[in-house]
């Protein structure tokens, strides 16, 4: 389970989420995420460096209309 530390807008529809996580990771790894209110689980590449921790960042595009 991860908790959101911050949400940074990169453009009107793209955001970077910084998540506090209880694990270490290697470059190129991805995570599976399930967001409240959604039925699907999605896979995201980790966009932060493993040397920056104790967090990960994922960059997502909003599909809201």
C-alpha atoms as a PDB file:
ATOM      1  CA  UNK A   1       0.000   0.000   0.000  1.00  0.00           C
ATOM      2  CA  UNK A   2       1.296   3.457  -0.882  1.00  0.00           C
ATOM      3  CA  UNK A   3       0.247   6.903   0.221  1.00  0.00           C
ATOM      4  CA  UNK A   4       0.336  10.029  -1.949  1.00  0.00           C
ATOM      5  CA  UNK A   5       2.966  12.551  -0.839  1.00  0.00           C
ATOM      6  CA  UNK A   6       2.382  15.063  -3.623  1.00  0.00           C
ATOM      7  CA  UNK A   7       0.648  15.624  -6.954  1.00  0.00           C
ATOM      8  CA  UNK A   8       2.488  17.843  -9.450  1.00  0.00           C
ATOM      9  CA  UNK A   9       0.779  19.052 -12.639  1.00  0.00           C
ATOM     10  CA  UNK A  10       3.061  18.739 -15.685  1.00  0.00           C
ATOM     11  CA  UNK A  11       0.466  19.893 -18.228  1.00  0.00           C
ATOM     12  CA  UNK A  12      -3.340  20.293 -18.210  1.00  0.00           C
ATOM     13  CA  UNK A  13      -3.853  16.498 -18.362  1.00  0.00           C
ATOM     14  CA  UNK A  14      -0.544  15.047 -17.112  1.00  0.00           C
ATOM     15  CA  UNK A  15       0.424  14.717 -13.451  1.00  0.00           C
ATOM     16  CA  UNK A  16       3.329  13.248 -11.520  1.00  0.00           C
ATOM     17  CA  UNK A  17       2.338  11.451  -8.344  1.00  0.00           C
ATOM     18  CA  UNK A  18       4.936  11.034  -5.613  1.00  0.00           C
ATOM     19  CA  UNK A  19       4.080   7.988  -3.525  1.00  0.00           C
ATOM     20  CA  UNK A  20       5.548   6.901  -0.212  1.00  0.00           C
ATOM     21  CA  UNK A  21       6.273   3.184  -0.562  1.00  0.00           C
ATOM     22  CA  UNK A  22       7.623   0.478   1.756  1.00  0.00           C
ATOM     23  CA  UNK A  23      10.056  -1.036  -0.789  1.00  0.00           C
ATOM     24  CA  UNK A  24      13.176  -0.375  -2.826  1.00  0.00           C
ATOM     25  CA  UNK A  25      13.178  -0.720  -6.601  1.00  0.00           C
ATOM     26  CA  UNK A  26      15.531  -1.009  -9.549  1.00  0.00           C
ATOM     27  CA  UNK A  27      15.630   1.146 -12.697  1.00  0.00           C
ATOM     28  CA  UNK A  28      13.079   0.025 -15.287  1.00  0.00           C
ATOM     29  CA  UNK A  29      10.624  -1.480 -12.841  1.00  0.00           C
ATOM     30  CA  UNK A  30       6.905  -0.777 -12.908  1.00  0.00           C
ATOM     31  CA  UNK A  31       4.099  -0.847 -10.384  1.00  0.00           C
ATOM     32  CA  UNK A  32       0.481  -1.905 -10.530  1.00  0.00           C
ATOM     33  CA  UNK A  33      -1.903   0.706  -9.142  1.00  0.00           C
ATOM     34  CA  UNK A  34      -5.557   0.695  -8.210  1.00  0.00           C
ATOM     35  CA  UNK A  35      -7.088   4.090  -7.546  1.00  0.00           C
ATOM     36  CA  UNK A  36     -10.144   4.625  -5.393  1.00  0.00           C
ATOM     37  CA  UNK A  37     -13.286   4.851  -7.497  1.00  0.00           C
ATOM     38  CA  UNK A  38     -11.831   2.871 -10.418  1.00  0.00           C
ATOM     39  CA  UNK A  39     -12.504  -0.764 -11.203  1.00  0.00           C
ATOM     40  CA  UNK A  40      -9.336  -1.395 -13.238  1.00  0.00           C
ATOM     41  CA  UNK A  41      -5.804  -1.950 -12.023  1.00  0.00           C
ATOM     42  CA  UNK A  42      -3.201  -0.231 -14.184  1.00  0.00           C
ATOM     43  CA  UNK A  43       0.528  -0.640 -14.684  1.00  0.00           C
ATOM     44  CA  UNK A  44       2.840   2.383 -14.569  1.00  0.00           C
ATOM     45  CA  UNK A  45       6.560   2.726 -15.161  1.00  0.00           C
ATOM     46  CA  UNK A  46       8.357   4.285 -12.227  1.00  0.00           C
ATOM     47  CA  UNK A  47       9.623   7.661 -13.449  1.00  0.00           C
ATOM     48  CA  UNK A  48      11.871   8.499 -10.489  1.00  0.00           C
ATOM     49  CA  UNK A  49      15.380   7.302  -9.712  1.00  0.00           C
ATOM     50  CA  UNK A  50      15.845   4.568  -7.088  1.00  0.00           C
ATOM     51  CA  UNK A  51      18.521   6.756  -5.487  1.00  0.00           C
ATOM     52  CA  UNK A  52      15.980   9.485  -4.625  1.00  0.00           C
ATOM     53  CA  UNK A  53      13.750   7.432  -2.219  1.00  0.00           C
ATOM     54  CA  UNK A  54      11.969   6.640   0.093  1.00  0.00           C
ATOM     55  CA  UNK A  55       9.361   7.319  -2.559  1.00  0.00           C
ATOM     56  CA  UNK A  56       8.503   6.551  -6.168  1.00  0.00           C
ATOM     57  CA  UNK A  57       7.071   8.825  -8.816  1.00  0.00           C
ATOM     58  CA  UNK A  58       4.701   7.804 -11.581  1.00  0.00           C
ATOM     59  CA  UNK A  59       3.519  10.118 -14.339  1.00  0.00           C
ATOM     60  CA  UNK A  60      -0.083   9.680 -15.434  1.00  0.00           C
ATOM     61  CA  UNK A  61      -2.452  11.188 -17.993  1.00  0.00           C
ATOM     62  CA  UNK A  62      -5.908  12.099 -16.748  1.00  0.00           C
ATOM     63  CA  UNK A  63      -8.733  10.652 -18.829  1.00  0.00           C
ATOM     64  CA  UNK A  64     -11.335  12.864 -17.148  1.00  0.00           C
ATOM     65  CA  UNK A  65     -13.380  14.723 -19.552  1.00  0.00           C
END
